[in-house]
Amino acid sequence: MTKTTEEATWRAEFEKLGEESTRDSVRTACFEEAKRQFAYRWLTDRALQRERREASTIRYLRLILLAAVFGIIVGIVGLLATLLQ
């Protein structure tokens, strides 16, 4: 097997196992060295993807909060304008 074929096979295996099981297998030294090193890289990639996804979600929620606050301010101004006429 070539290195890329092995890595594709390992990647599919890790995807099937999930992050937690892969992390446990790395800790208990169930893998040979090359596979263990690839598991570290795979786990790092997954953590980075999760961080990017969470950061994107946080930005989206901040935008929603800003829109809600703006809507409340516009509503209050509108209410005051109608009451003061």
Protein backbone atom coordinates (compact mmCIF):
# COMPACT_ATOMS: atom_id res chain seq x y z
CA MET A 1 0.00 0.00 0.00
CA THR A 2 1.18 3.49 -0.70
CA LYS A 3 1.28 6.11 2.00
CA THR A 4 -1.72 8.00 0.64
CA THR A 5 -3.75 4.80 0.34
CA GLU A 6 -2.91 3.88 3.93
CA GLU A 7 -3.80 7.35 5.13
CA ALA A 8 -7.12 7.28 3.25
CA THR A 9 -7.89 3.93 4.87
CA TRP A 10 -6.93 5.24 8.31
CA ARG A 11 -8.94 8.42 7.79
CA ALA A 12 -12.04 6.36 6.95
CA GLU A 13 -11.41 4.19 10.01
CA PHE A 14 -11.03 7.24 12.27
CA GLU A 15 -14.18 8.81 10.82
CA LYS A 16 -16.04 5.62 11.60
CA LEU A 17 -14.60 5.38 15.13
CA GLY A 18 -15.08 9.04 15.94
CA GLU A 19 -12.81 11.44 17.76
CA GLU A 20 -13.21 10.08 21.27
CA SER A 21 -12.54 6.46 20.33
CA THR A 22 -9.58 7.45 18.17
CA ARG A 23 -8.15 9.55 21.01
CA ASP A 24 -8.58 6.63 23.42
CA SER A 25 -6.86 4.27 20.98
CA VAL A 26 -3.93 6.68 20.65
CA ARG A 27 -3.63 6.95 24.44
CA THR A 28 -3.61 3.18 24.91
CA ALA A 29 -1.01 2.73 22.15
CA CYS A 30 -3.21 0.51 19.99
CA PHE A 31 -1.68 1.81 16.78
CA GLU A 32 1.67 1.36 15.12
CA GLU A 33 3.84 4.51 15.06
CA ALA A 34 2.95 5.72 11.55
CA LYS A 35 -0.76 5.26 12.20
CA ARG A 36 -0.44 6.93 15.61
CA GLN A 37 1.26 9.97 14.07
CA PHE A 38 -1.47 10.20 11.44
CA ALA A 39 -4.08 9.90 14.21
CA TYR A 40 -2.53 12.91 15.94
CA ARG A 41 -2.70 14.92 12.72
CA TRP A 42 -6.28 13.79 12.10
CA LEU A 43 -7.34 14.72 15.64
CA THR A 44 -5.66 18.12 15.29
CA ASP A 45 -7.48 18.74 11.99
CA ARG A 46 -10.79 17.80 13.58
CA ALA A 47 -10.17 20.14 16.53
CA LEU A 48 -9.33 23.00 14.16
CA GLN A 49 -12.49 22.34 12.13
CA ARG A 50 -14.56 22.35 15.31
CA GLU A 51 -12.96 25.64 16.46
CA ARG A 52 -13.67 27.28 13.09
CA ARG A 53 -17.26 26.07 13.17
CA GLU A 54 -17.74 27.35 16.73
CA ALA A 55 -16.17 30.73 15.88
CA SER A 56 -18.49 31.04 12.90
CA THR A 57 -21.49 30.21 15.08
CA ILE A 58 -20.44 32.79 17.66
CA ARG A 59 -20.12 35.49 14.98
CA TYR A 60 -23.57 34.57 13.67
CA LEU A 61 -25.11 34.73 17.15
CA ARG A 62 -23.50 38.12 17.80
CA LEU A 63 -25.01 39.41 14.56
CA ILE A 64 -28.43 38.13 15.60
CA LEU A 65 -28.07 39.78 19.01
CA LEU A 66 -27.05 43.06 17.40
CA ALA A 67 -30.06 42.91 15.07
CA ALA A 68 -32.37 42.18 18.02
CA VAL A 69 -31.00 45.10 20.03
CA PHE A 70 -31.34 47.38 17.01
CA GLY A 71 -34.92 46.20 16.53
CA ILE A 72 -35.75 46.91 20.16
CA ILE A 73 -34.26 50.40 19.91
CA VAL A 74 -36.24 51.14 16.74
CA GLY A 75 -39.39 49.84 18.43
CA ILE A 76 -38.87 52.02 21.49
CA VAL A 77 -38.20 55.09 19.33
CA GLY A 78 -41.32 54.35 17.31
CA LEU A 79 -43.41 53.91 20.44
CA LEU A 80 -42.11 57.15 21.94
CA ALA A 81 -42.76 59.00 18.68
CA THR A 82 -46.39 57.89 18.63
CA LEU A 83 -46.94 58.62 22.32
CA LEU A 84 -45.45 62.12 22.13
CA GLN A 85 -47.61 63.27 19.22
